[in-house]
Amino acid sequence: MGDLLQPWHLILLFCVFMYPILKVAGTIALWLICKRVGFNPALSLLNLVPFGIGTVGLLLALAFSDWKTGRAPETW
């Protein structure tokens, strides 16, 4: 039967078990960020769009929009 932990076993383990856990954790983090800056927290569900398209869109929206917190953003 061969060795127990072949390299493809580790890849399969990551894809099946770790990836969904990391996606959920990232979505929760983005939920809290959106809520803190005054956006609708449901926008964090864009993180669940495959291939990172939704995450990149959300991060671009956060980076280039006016935050509704009432505080001026710090500049470089």
PDB file of N, CA and C in Angstrom:
ATOM      1  N   MET A   1       0.814  -1.192   0.000  1.00  0.00           N
ATOM      2  CA  MET A   1       0.000   0.000   0.000  1.00  0.00           C
ATOM      3  C   MET A   1       0.855   1.253   0.000  1.00  0.00           C
ATOM      4  N   GLY A   2       2.125   1.140   0.269  1.00  0.00           N
ATOM      5  CA  GLY A   2       3.003   2.300   0.213  1.00  0.00           C
ATOM      6  C   GLY A   2       3.019   3.081   1.513  1.00  0.00           C
ATOM      7  N   ASP A   3       3.674   4.206   1.433  1.00  0.00           N
ATOM      8  CA  ASP A   3       3.765   5.065   2.616  1.00  0.00           C
ATOM      9  C   ASP A   3       2.416   5.677   2.945  1.00  0.00           C
ATOM     10  N   LEU A   4       2.246   5.984   4.205  1.00  0.00           N
ATOM     11  CA  LEU A   4       0.965   6.518   4.651  1.00  0.00           C
ATOM     12  C   LEU A   4       0.760   7.962   4.197  1.00  0.00           C
ATOM     13  N   LEU A   5       1.794   8.788   4.304  1.00  0.00           N
ATOM     14  CA  LEU A   5       1.648  10.201   3.948  1.00  0.00           C
ATOM     15  C   LEU A   5       2.448  10.538   2.698  1.00  0.00           C
ATOM     16  N   GLN A   6       1.865  10.299   1.570  1.00  0.00           N
ATOM     17  CA  GLN A   6       2.441  10.725   0.305  1.00  0.00           C
ATOM     18  C   GLN A   6       2.199  12.223   0.145  1.00  0.00           C
ATOM     19  N   PRO A   7       2.952  12.919  -0.717  1.00  0.00           N
ATOM     20  CA  PRO A   7       2.726  14.357  -0.907  1.00  0.00           C
ATOM     21  C   PRO A   7       1.301  14.679  -1.357  1.00  0.00           C
ATOM     22  N   TRP A   8       0.714  13.849  -2.163  1.00  0.00           N
ATOM     23  CA  TRP A   8      -0.636  14.156  -2.624  1.00  0.00           C
ATOM     24  C   TRP A   8      -1.651  13.999  -1.502  1.00  0.00           C
ATOM     25  N   HIS A   9      -1.335  13.213  -0.468  1.00  0.00           N
ATOM     26  CA  HIS A   9      -2.214  13.119   0.699  1.00  0.00           C
ATOM     27  C   HIS A   9      -2.297  14.466   1.409  1.00  0.00           C
ATOM     28  N   LEU A  10      -1.147  15.133   1.543  1.00  0.00           N
ATOM     29  CA  LEU A  10      -1.124  16.428   2.209  1.00  0.00           C
ATOM     30  C   LEU A  10      -1.877  17.482   1.414  1.00  0.00           C
ATOM     31  N   ILE A  11      -1.739  17.424   0.101  1.00  0.00           N
ATOM     32  CA  ILE A  11      -2.481  18.362  -0.756  1.00  0.00           C
ATOM     33  C   ILE A  11      -3.977  18.115  -0.614  1.00  0.00           C
ATOM     34  N   LEU A  12      -4.379  16.876  -0.639  1.00  0.00           N
ATOM     35  CA  LEU A  12      -5.786  16.537  -0.484  1.00  0.00           C
ATOM     36  C   LEU A  12      -6.300  16.944   0.892  1.00  0.00           C
ATOM     37  N   LEU A  13      -5.499  16.736   1.922  1.00  0.00           N
ATOM     38  CA  LEU A  13      -5.879  17.128   3.273  1.00  0.00           C
ATOM     39  C   LEU A  13      -6.110  18.629   3.347  1.00  0.00           C
ATOM     40  N   PHE A  14      -5.225  19.410   2.741  1.00  0.00           N
ATOM     41  CA  PHE A  14      -5.389  20.859   2.752  1.00  0.00           C
ATOM     42  C   PHE A  14      -6.644  21.275   1.994  1.00  0.00           C
ATOM     43  N   CYS A  15      -6.829  20.720   0.810  1.00  0.00           N
ATOM     44  CA  CYS A  15      -7.963  21.131  -0.027  1.00  0.00           C
ATOM     45  C   CYS A  15      -9.308  20.766   0.593  1.00  0.00           C
ATOM     46  N   VAL A  16      -9.392  19.620   1.187  1.00  0.00           N
ATOM     47  CA  VAL A  16     -10.673  19.148   1.694  1.00  0.00           C
ATOM     48  C   VAL A  16     -10.999  19.703   3.070  1.00  0.00           C
ATOM     49  N   PHE A  17     -10.000  19.814   3.943  1.00  0.00           N
ATOM     50  CA  PHE A  17     -10.279  20.193   5.324  1.00  0.00           C
ATOM     51  C   PHE A  17      -9.877  21.623   5.662  1.00  0.00           C
ATOM     52  N   MET A  18      -8.696  22.039   5.271  1.00  0.00           N
ATOM     53  CA  MET A  18      -8.195  23.327   5.721  1.00  0.00           C
ATOM     54  C   MET A  18      -8.771  24.496   4.915  1.00  0.00           C
ATOM     55  N   TYR A  19      -8.948  24.346   3.624  1.00  0.00           N
ATOM     56  CA  TYR A  19      -9.431  25.447   2.796  1.00  0.00           C
ATOM     57  C   TYR A  19     -10.792  25.965   3.249  1.00  0.00           C
ATOM     58  N   PRO A  20     -11.781  25.118   3.501  1.00  0.00           N
ATOM     59  CA  PRO A  20     -13.071  25.650   3.987  1.00  0.00           C
ATOM     60  C   PRO A  20     -12.963  26.336   5.341  1.00  0.00           C
ATOM     61  N   ILE A  21     -12.115  25.818   6.217  1.00  0.00           N
ATOM     62  CA  ILE A  21     -11.941  26.453   7.520  1.00  0.00           C
ATOM     63  C   ILE A  21     -11.337  27.842   7.354  1.00  0.00           C
ATOM     64  N   LEU A  22     -10.335  27.961   6.486  1.00  0.00           N
ATOM     65  CA  LEU A  22      -9.708  29.262   6.250  1.00  0.00           C
ATOM     66  C   LEU A  22     -10.672  30.229   5.564  1.00  0.00           C
ATOM     67  N   LYS A  23     -11.516  29.742   4.674  1.00  0.00           N
ATOM     68  CA  LYS A  23     -12.499  30.609   4.013  1.00  0.00           C
ATOM     69  C   LYS A  23     -13.505  31.162   5.023  1.00  0.00           C
ATOM     70  N   VAL A  24     -13.974  30.329   5.920  1.00  0.00           N
ATOM     71  CA  VAL A  24     -14.930  30.773   6.931  1.00  0.00           C
ATOM     72  C   VAL A  24     -14.271  31.773   7.873  1.00  0.00           C
ATOM     73  N   ALA A  25     -13.044  31.505   8.287  1.00  0.00           N
ATOM     74  CA  ALA A  25     -12.336  32.424   9.178  1.00  0.00           C
ATOM     75  C   ALA A  25     -12.105  33.771   8.497  1.00  0.00           C
ATOM     76  N   GLY A  26     -11.755  33.755   7.225  1.00  0.00           N
ATOM     77  CA  GLY A  26     -11.566  35.006   6.485  1.00  0.00           C
ATOM     78  C   GLY A  26     -12.859  35.771   6.321  1.00  0.00           C
ATOM     79  N   THR A  27     -13.952  35.070   6.110  1.00  0.00           N
ATOM     80  CA  THR A  27     -15.244  35.721   5.976  1.00  0.00           C
ATOM     81  C   THR A  27     -15.663  36.376   7.290  1.00  0.00           C
ATOM     82  N   ILE A  28     -15.421  35.710   8.401  1.00  0.00           N
ATOM     83  CA  ILE A  28     -15.741  36.296   9.703  1.00  0.00           C
ATOM     84  C   ILE A  28     -14.901  37.540   9.950  1.00  0.00           C
ATOM     85  N   ALA A  29     -13.611  37.478   9.601  1.00  0.00           N
ATOM     86  CA  ALA A  29     -12.737  38.644   9.779  1.00  0.00           C
ATOM     87  C   ALA A  29     -13.212  39.810   8.920  1.00  0.00           C
ATOM     88  N   LEU A  30     -13.564  39.548   7.671  1.00  0.00           N
ATOM     89  CA  LEU A  30     -14.053  40.623   6.803  1.00  0.00           C
ATOM     90  C   LEU A  30     -15.400  41.156   7.284  1.00  0.00           C
ATOM     91  N   TRP A  31     -16.227  40.304   7.875  1.00  0.00           N
ATOM     92  CA  TRP A  31     -17.506  40.740   8.445  1.00  0.00           C
ATOM     93  C   TRP A  31     -17.253  41.799   9.521  1.00  0.00           C
ATOM     94  N   LEU A  32     -16.301  41.504  10.409  1.00  0.00           N
ATOM     95  CA  LEU A  32     -15.992  42.436  11.492  1.00  0.00           C
ATOM     96  C   LEU A  32     -15.362  43.728  10.968  1.00  0.00           C
ATOM     97  N   ILE A  33     -14.531  43.625   9.948  1.00  0.00           N
ATOM     98  CA  ILE A  33     -13.923  44.822   9.354  1.00  0.00           C
ATOM     99  C   ILE A  33     -14.988  45.692   8.718  1.00  0.00           C
ATOM    100  N   CYS A  34     -15.880  45.087   7.944  1.00  0.00           N
ATOM    101  CA  CYS A  34     -16.944  45.865   7.289  1.00  0.00           C
ATOM    102  C   CYS A  34     -17.847  46.536   8.318  1.00  0.00           C
ATOM    103  N   LYS A  35     -18.151  45.836   9.386  1.00  0.00           N
ATOM    104  CA  LYS A  35     -18.999  46.411  10.417  1.00  0.00           C
ATOM    105  C   LYS A  35     -18.291  47.580  11.104  1.00  0.00           C
ATOM    106  N   ARG A  36     -16.989  47.454  11.326  1.00  0.00           N
ATOM    107  CA  ARG A  36     -16.245  48.498  12.017  1.00  0.00           C
ATOM    108  C   ARG A  36     -16.124  49.768  11.176  1.00  0.00           C
ATOM    109  N   VAL A  37     -15.981  49.636   9.864  1.00  0.00           N
ATOM    110  CA  VAL A  37     -15.803  50.832   9.034  1.00  0.00           C
ATOM    111  C   VAL A  37     -17.126  51.399   8.548  1.00  0.00           C
ATOM    112  N   GLY A  38     -18.235  50.786   8.904  1.00  0.00           N
ATOM    113  CA  GLY A  38     -19.534  51.355   8.587  1.00  0.00           C
ATOM    114  C   GLY A  38     -20.186  50.825   7.324  1.00  0.00           C
ATOM    115  N   PHE A  39     -19.658  49.763   6.753  1.00  0.00           N
ATOM    116  CA  PHE A  39     -20.279  49.146   5.582  1.00  0.00           C
ATOM    117  C   PHE A  39     -21.257  48.077   6.033  1.00  0.00           C
ATOM    118  N   ASN A  40     -22.073  47.623   5.110  1.00  0.00           N
ATOM    119  CA  ASN A  40     -22.968  46.511   5.390  1.00  0.00           C
ATOM    120  C   ASN A  40     -22.115  45.249   5.556  1.00  0.00           C
ATOM    121  N   PRO A  41     -22.183  44.596   6.712  1.00  0.00           N
ATOM    122  CA  PRO A  41     -21.330  43.418   6.926  1.00  0.00           C
ATOM    123  C   PRO A  41     -21.597  42.271   5.958  1.00  0.00           C
ATOM    124  N   ALA A  42     -22.771  42.253   5.337  1.00  0.00           N
ATOM    125  CA  ALA A  42     -23.064  41.180   4.388  1.00  0.00           C
ATOM    126  C   ALA A  42     -22.158  41.241   3.158  1.00  0.00           C
ATOM    127  N   LEU A  43     -21.470  42.352   2.957  1.00  0.00           N
ATOM    128  CA  LEU A  43     -20.516  42.424   1.852  1.00  0.00           C
ATOM    129  C   LEU A  43     -19.377  41.430   2.025  1.00  0.00           C
ATOM    130  N   SER A  44     -19.134  41.018   3.257  1.00  0.00           N
ATOM    131  CA  SER A  44     -18.058  40.063   3.496  1.00  0.00           C
ATOM    132  C   SER A  44     -18.360  38.699   2.863  1.00  0.00           C
ATOM    133  N   LEU A  45     -19.608  38.449   2.532  1.00  0.00           N
ATOM    134  CA  LEU A  45     -19.953  37.186   1.878  1.00  0.00           C
ATOM    135  C   LEU A  45     -19.388  37.098   0.466  1.00  0.00           C
ATOM    136  N   LEU A  46     -18.909  38.239  -0.062  1.00  0.00           N
ATOM    137  CA  LEU A  46     -18.217  38.207  -1.352  1.00  0.00           C
ATOM    138  C   LEU A  46     -16.942  37.381  -1.270  1.00  0.00           C
ATOM    139  N   ASN A  47     -16.434  37.189  -0.071  1.00  0.00           N
ATOM    140  CA  ASN A  47     -15.248  36.368   0.126  1.00  0.00           C
ATOM    141  C   ASN A  47     -15.491  34.925  -0.308  1.00  0.00           C
ATOM    142  N   LEU A  48     -16.720  34.500  -0.354  1.00  0.00           N
ATOM    143  CA  LEU A  48     -17.041  33.117  -0.704  1.00  0.00           C
ATOM    144  C   LEU A  48     -17.093  32.875  -2.208  1.00  0.00           C
ATOM    145  N   VAL A  49     -16.956  33.945  -3.015  1.00  0.00           N
ATOM    146  CA  VAL A  49     -16.909  33.789  -4.466  1.00  0.00           C
ATOM    147  C   VAL A  49     -15.588  33.099  -4.816  1.00  0.00           C
ATOM    148  N   PRO A  50     -15.624  32.094  -5.663  1.00  0.00           N
ATOM    149  CA  PRO A  50     -14.403  31.335  -5.959  1.00  0.00           C
ATOM    150  C   PRO A  50     -13.309  32.164  -6.624  1.00  0.00           C
ATOM    151  N   PHE A  51     -12.086  31.708  -6.473  1.00  0.00           N
ATOM    152  CA  PHE A  51     -10.872  32.244  -7.098  1.00  0.00           C
ATOM    153  C   PHE A  51     -10.504  33.630  -6.596  1.00  0.00           C
ATOM    154  N   GLY A  52     -11.033  34.077  -5.473  1.00  0.00           N
ATOM    155  CA  GLY A  52     -10.625  35.342  -4.878  1.00  0.00           C
ATOM    156  C   GLY A  52     -11.167  36.581  -5.547  1.00  0.00           C
ATOM    157  N   ILE A  53     -12.067  36.442  -6.501  1.00  0.00           N
ATOM    158  CA  ILE A  53     -12.584  37.598  -7.226  1.00  0.00           C
ATOM    159  C   ILE A  53     -13.385  38.492  -6.292  1.00  0.00           C
ATOM    160  N   GLY A  54     -14.208  37.921  -5.466  1.00  0.00           N
ATOM    161  CA  GLY A  54     -15.013  38.706  -4.538  1.00  0.00           C
ATOM    162  C   GLY A  54     -14.171  39.368  -3.468  1.00  0.00           C
ATOM    163  N   THR A  55     -13.142  38.672  -2.998  1.00  0.00           N
ATOM    164  CA  THR A  55     -12.276  39.230  -1.966  1.00  0.00           C
ATOM    165  C   THR A  55     -11.511  40.429  -2.491  1.00  0.00           C
ATOM    166  N   VAL A  56     -10.985  40.312  -3.702  1.00  0.00           N
ATOM    167  CA  VAL A  56     -10.251  41.432  -4.289  1.00  0.00           C
ATOM    168  C   VAL A  56     -11.179  42.614  -4.494  1.00  0.00           C
ATOM    169  N   GLY A  57     -12.397  42.372  -4.959  1.00  0.00           N
ATOM    170  CA  GLY A  57     -13.363  43.450  -5.138  1.00  0.00           C
ATOM    171  C   GLY A  57     -13.709  44.134  -3.827  1.00  0.00           C
ATOM    172  N   LEU A  58     -13.900  43.366  -2.781  1.00  0.00           N
ATOM    173  CA  LEU A  58     -14.221  43.937  -1.473  1.00  0.00           C
ATOM    174  C   LEU A  58     -13.048  44.738  -0.925  1.00  0.00           C
ATOM    175  N   LEU A  59     -11.840  44.220  -1.061  1.00  0.00           N
ATOM    176  CA  LEU A  59     -10.673  44.947  -0.567  1.00  0.00           C
ATOM    177  C   LEU A  59     -10.450  46.239  -1.354  1.00  0.00           C
ATOM    178  N   LEU A  60     -10.711  46.225  -2.637  1.00  0.00           N
ATOM    179  CA  LEU A  60     -10.617  47.458  -3.429  1.00  0.00           C
ATOM    180  C   LEU A  60     -11.678  48.467  -3.002  1.00  0.00           C
ATOM    181  N   ALA A  61     -12.874  47.986  -2.722  1.00  0.00           N
ATOM    182  CA  ALA A  61     -13.928  48.883  -2.245  1.00  0.00           C
ATOM    183  C   ALA A  61     -13.563  49.488  -0.895  1.00  0.00           C
ATOM    184  N   LEU A  62     -12.985  48.695  -0.011  1.00  0.00           N
ATOM    185  CA  LEU A  62     -12.565  49.211   1.289  1.00  0.00           C
ATOM    186  C   LEU A  62     -11.418  50.210   1.150  1.00  0.00           C
ATOM    187  N   ALA A  63     -10.522  49.966   0.230  1.00  0.00           N
ATOM    188  CA  ALA A  63      -9.347  50.820   0.092  1.00  0.00           C
ATOM    189  C   ALA A  63      -9.674  52.177  -0.522  1.00  0.00           C
ATOM    190  N   PHE A  64     -10.605  52.217  -1.463  1.00  0.00           N
ATOM    191  CA  PHE A  64     -10.815  53.443  -2.225  1.00  0.00           C
ATOM    192  C   PHE A  64     -12.122  54.164  -1.937  1.00  0.00           C
ATOM    193  N   SER A  65     -12.836  53.784  -0.899  1.00  0.00           N
ATOM    194  CA  SER A  65     -14.086  54.455  -0.583  1.00  0.00           C
ATOM    195  C   SER A  65     -13.937  55.273   0.697  1.00  0.00           C
ATOM    196  N   ASP A  66     -14.882  56.159   0.908  1.00  0.00           N
ATOM    197  CA  ASP A  66     -14.901  56.941   2.140  1.00  0.00           C
ATOM    198  C   ASP A  66     -15.522  56.095   3.235  1.00  0.00           C
ATOM    199  N   TRP A  67     -14.830  55.999   4.352  1.00  0.00           N
ATOM    200  CA  TRP A  67     -15.339  55.219   5.462  1.00  0.00           C
ATOM    201  C   TRP A  67     -16.348  56.042   6.236  1.00  0.00           C
ATOM    202  N   LYS A  68     -17.366  55.393   6.736  1.00  0.00           N
ATOM    203  CA  LYS A  68     -18.472  56.076   7.397  1.00  0.00           C
ATOM    204  C   LYS A  68     -18.300  56.102   8.916  1.00  0.00           C
ATOM    205  N   THR A  69     -17.077  56.082   9.396  1.00  0.00           N
ATOM    206  CA  THR A  69     -16.846  56.045  10.838  1.00  0.00           C
ATOM    207  C   THR A  69     -16.798  57.429  11.453  1.00  0.00           C
ATOM    208  N   GLY A  70     -16.728  58.460  10.643  1.00  0.00           N
ATOM    209  CA  GLY A  70     -16.675  59.815  11.168  1.00  0.00           C
ATOM    210  C   GLY A  70     -15.268  60.300  11.442  1.00  0.00           C
ATOM    211  N   ARG A  71     -14.297  59.415  11.363  1.00  0.00           N
ATOM    212  CA  ARG A  71     -12.919  59.809  11.570  1.00  0.00           C
ATOM    213  C   ARG A  71     -12.220  59.929  10.228  1.00  0.00           C
ATOM    214  N   ALA A  72     -11.324  60.873  10.111  1.00  0.00           N
ATOM    215  CA  ALA A  72     -10.559  61.010   8.892  1.00  0.00           C
ATOM    216  C   ALA A  72      -9.509  59.891   8.846  1.00  0.00           C
ATOM    217  N   PRO A  73      -9.354  59.263   7.696  1.00  0.00           N
ATOM    218  CA  PRO A  73      -8.347  58.211   7.616  1.00  0.00           C
ATOM    219  C   PRO A  73      -6.950  58.811   7.704  1.00  0.00           C
ATOM    220  N   GLU A  74      -6.065  58.056   8.288  1.00  0.00           N
ATOM    221  CA  GLU A  74      -4.696  58.517   8.388  1.00  0.00           C
ATOM    222  C   GLU A  74      -4.037  58.490   7.020  1.00  0.00           C
ATOM    223  N   THR A  75      -3.241  59.476   6.731  1.00  0.00           N
ATOM    224  CA  THR A  75      -2.549  59.520   5.448  1.00  0.00           C
ATOM    225  C   THR A  75      -1.090  59.173   5.662  1.00  0.00           C
ATOM    226  N   TRP A  76      -0.433  58.848   4.615  1.00  0.00           N
ATOM    227  CA  TRP A  76       0.976  58.460   4.697  1.00  0.00           C
ATOM    228  C   TRP A  76       1.774  59.664   4.906  1.00  0.00           C
TER     229      TRP A  76
END
